[in-house]
C-alpha atoms as a PDB file:
ATOM      1  CA  MET A   1     -34.541  61.329 -46.969  1.00  0.00           C
ATOM      2  CA  ASP A   2     -33.979  59.714 -43.602  1.00  0.00           C
ATOM      3  CA  LYS A   3     -33.727  55.963 -42.947  1.00  0.00           C
ATOM      4  CA  GLU A   4     -37.235  55.538 -41.546  1.00  0.00           C
ATOM      5  CA  THR A   5     -38.859  57.362 -44.452  1.00  0.00           C
ATOM      6  CA  TYR A   6     -36.835  55.349 -46.946  1.00  0.00           C
ATOM      7  CA  GLU A   7     -37.805  52.072 -45.241  1.00  0.00           C
ATOM      8  CA  LYS A   8     -41.491  53.017 -45.387  1.00  0.00           C
ATOM      9  CA  LYS A   9     -41.151  53.913 -49.059  1.00  0.00           C
ATOM     10  CA  LEU A  10     -39.486  50.573 -49.826  1.00  0.00           C
ATOM     11  CA  GLN A  11     -42.046  48.574 -47.853  1.00  0.00           C
ATOM     12  CA  ALA A  12     -44.949  50.318 -49.573  1.00  0.00           C
ATOM     13  CA  GLN A  13     -43.435  49.607 -52.979  1.00  0.00           C
ATOM     14  CA  LEU A  14     -42.746  45.973 -52.088  1.00  0.00           C
ATOM     15  CA  ASP A  15     -46.389  45.589 -51.071  1.00  0.00           C
ATOM     16  CA  GLN A  16     -47.566  47.197 -54.307  1.00  0.00           C
ATOM     17  CA  TRP A  17     -45.327  44.972 -56.419  1.00  0.00           C
ATOM     18  CA  GLN A  18     -46.586  41.898 -54.600  1.00  0.00           C
ATOM     19  CA  ALA A  19     -50.173  42.933 -55.358  1.00  0.00           C
ATOM     20  CA  GLU A  20     -49.275  43.388 -59.029  1.00  0.00           C
ATOM     21  CA  ILE A  21     -47.590  39.979 -59.140  1.00  0.00           C
ATOM     22  CA  ASP A  22     -50.738  38.505 -57.592  1.00  0.00           C
ATOM     23  CA  LYS A  23     -52.837  40.160 -60.334  1.00  0.00           C
ATOM     24  CA  LEU A  24     -50.588  38.680 -63.009  1.00  0.00           C
ATOM     25  CA  GLN A  25     -50.913  35.281 -61.336  1.00  0.00           C
ATOM     26  CA  ALA A  26     -54.698  35.591 -61.512  1.00  0.00           C
ATOM     27  CA  GLN A  27     -54.493  36.552 -65.187  1.00  0.00           C
ATOM     28  CA  ALA A  28     -52.231  33.576 -65.845  1.00  0.00           C
ATOM     29  CA  ARG A  29     -54.876  31.228 -64.472  1.00  0.00           C
ATOM     30  CA  GLU A  30     -57.380  32.672 -66.946  1.00  0.00           C
ATOM     31  CA  ALA A  31     -54.999  32.798 -69.914  1.00  0.00           C
ATOM     32  CA  ALA A  32     -55.069  30.460 -72.857  1.00  0.00           C
ATOM     33  CA  ALA A  33     -52.904  27.390 -72.433  1.00  0.00           C
ATOM     34  CA  ASP A  34     -50.316  28.607 -74.940  1.00  0.00           C
ATOM     35  CA  MET A  35     -49.826  31.857 -72.962  1.00  0.00           C
ATOM     36  CA  GLN A  36     -49.617  30.336 -69.495  1.00  0.00           C
ATOM     37  CA  GLY A  37     -45.967  29.366 -69.877  1.00  0.00           C
ATOM     38  CA  LYS A  38     -45.044  32.936 -70.797  1.00  0.00           C
ATOM     39  CA  TYR A  39     -46.998  34.274 -67.849  1.00  0.00           C
ATOM     40  CA  HIS A  40     -45.339  31.862 -65.442  1.00  0.00           C
ATOM     41  CA  GLU A  41     -41.875  32.674 -66.765  1.00  0.00           C
ATOM     42  CA  GLN A  42     -42.501  36.391 -66.311  1.00  0.00           C
ATOM     43  CA  ILE A  43     -44.009  35.880 -62.863  1.00  0.00           C
ATOM     44  CA  ARG A  44     -41.017  33.774 -61.796  1.00  0.00           C
ATOM     45  CA  ASP A  45     -38.672  36.579 -62.916  1.00  0.00           C
ATOM     46  CA  LEU A  46     -40.725  39.197 -61.078  1.00  0.00           C
ATOM     47  CA  ARG A  47     -40.737  37.137 -57.887  1.00  0.00           C
ATOM     48  CA  GLU A  48     -36.955  36.743 -58.047  1.00  0.00           C
ATOM     49  CA  ARG A  49     -36.520  40.485 -58.504  1.00  0.00           C
ATOM     50  CA  ARG A  50     -38.985  41.244 -55.718  1.00  0.00           C
ATOM     51  CA  ASP A  51     -37.105  38.841 -53.444  1.00  0.00           C
ATOM     52  CA  GLU A  52     -33.866  40.678 -54.267  1.00  0.00           C
ATOM     53  CA  MET A  53     -35.551  43.958 -53.399  1.00  0.00           C
ATOM     54  CA  GLU A  54     -36.754  42.414 -50.135  1.00  0.00           C
ATOM     55  CA  ARG A  55     -33.172  41.361 -49.298  1.00  0.00           C
ATOM     56  CA  GLU A  56     -31.944  44.898 -49.927  1.00  0.00           C
ATOM     57  CA  TYR A  57     -34.748  46.240 -47.756  1.00  0.00           C
ATOM     58  CA  ARG A  58     -33.763  43.887 -44.920  1.00  0.00           C
ATOM     59  CA  LYS A  59     -30.141  45.086 -45.124  1.00  0.00           C
ATOM     60  CA  ILE A  60     -31.270  48.674 -44.721  1.00  0.00           C
ATOM     61  CA  GLU A  61     -33.694  47.756 -41.966  1.00  0.00           C
ATOM     62  CA  ALA A  62     -30.898  46.032 -40.012  1.00  0.00           C
ATOM     63  CA  ALA A  63     -28.329  48.773 -40.623  1.00  0.00           C
ATOM     64  CA  SER A  64     -27.559  51.464 -38.114  1.00  0.00           C
ATOM     65  CA  ALA A  65     -28.716  55.004 -38.686  1.00  0.00           C
ATOM     66  CA  GLU A  66     -25.167  55.862 -39.745  1.00  0.00           C
ATOM     67  CA  ALA A  67     -24.563  52.891 -42.071  1.00  0.00           C
ATOM     68  CA  TRP A  68     -27.859  52.538 -43.931  1.00  0.00           C
ATOM     69  CA  GLN A  69     -26.756  54.864 -46.726  1.00  0.00           C
ATOM     70  CA  ASP A  70     -24.108  52.268 -47.642  1.00  0.00           C
ATOM     71  CA  PHE A  71     -26.915  49.892 -48.638  1.00  0.00           C
ATOM     72  CA  LYS A  72     -29.077  52.490 -50.376  1.00  0.00           C
ATOM     73  CA  THR A  73     -27.236  52.197 -53.697  1.00  0.00           C
ATOM     74  CA  GLY A  74     -27.950  48.456 -53.901  1.00  0.00           C
ATOM     75  CA  ALA A  75     -31.563  49.014 -52.958  1.00  0.00           C
ATOM     76  CA  ASP A  76     -31.956  51.758 -55.549  1.00  0.00           C
ATOM     77  CA  LYS A  77     -30.549  49.479 -58.269  1.00  0.00           C
ATOM     78  CA  ALA A  78     -32.837  46.613 -57.225  1.00  0.00           C
ATOM     79  CA  TRP A  79     -35.758  49.088 -57.241  1.00  0.00           C
ATOM     80  CA  ASP A  80     -34.935  50.268 -60.775  1.00  0.00           C
ATOM     81  CA  ASP A  81     -34.548  46.689 -62.024  1.00  0.00           C
ATOM     82  CA  MET A  82     -37.857  45.651 -60.485  1.00  0.00           C
ATOM     83  CA  ALA A  83     -39.677  48.707 -61.810  1.00  0.00           C
ATOM     84  CA  ALA A  84     -38.394  48.016 -65.336  1.00  0.00           C
ATOM     85  CA  ALA A  85     -39.359  44.339 -65.132  1.00  0.00           C
ATOM     86  CA  MET A  86     -42.823  45.222 -63.872  1.00  0.00           C
ATOM     87  CA  LYS A  87     -43.296  47.725 -66.678  1.00  0.00           C
ATOM     88  CA  THR A  88     -42.242  45.081 -69.209  1.00  0.00           C
ATOM     89  CA  ALA A  89     -44.630  42.526 -67.714  1.00  0.00           C
ATOM     90  CA  TRP A  90     -47.606  44.860 -67.790  1.00  0.00           C
ATOM     91  CA  GLY A  91     -46.693  45.962 -71.295  1.00  0.00           C
ATOM     92  CA  ARG A  92     -46.734  42.342 -72.397  1.00  0.00           C
ATOM     93  CA  PHE A  93     -49.697  41.050 -70.401  1.00  0.00           C
ATOM     94  CA  GLY A  94     -51.573  44.074 -69.060  1.00  0.00           C
END
């Protein structure tokens, strides 16, 4: 996969994760008071992980065509961590 294709893939996934976080936020507003704290804790974690993924994306975006592969490993790990956290969140609240 080339750099441009990888960047597009990352950006699309970041957008999707943001939409899912927004859905969880909406559910949190409707949740019973005793569940809201759990929602907000999970949402805070997801936002932190998404922000980490965004930082990795920005590194790749700024890297030269030759050097971007050096950042791909970090981005792939952040991707896997975010995907697992999102799956956990939806399993708990979805």
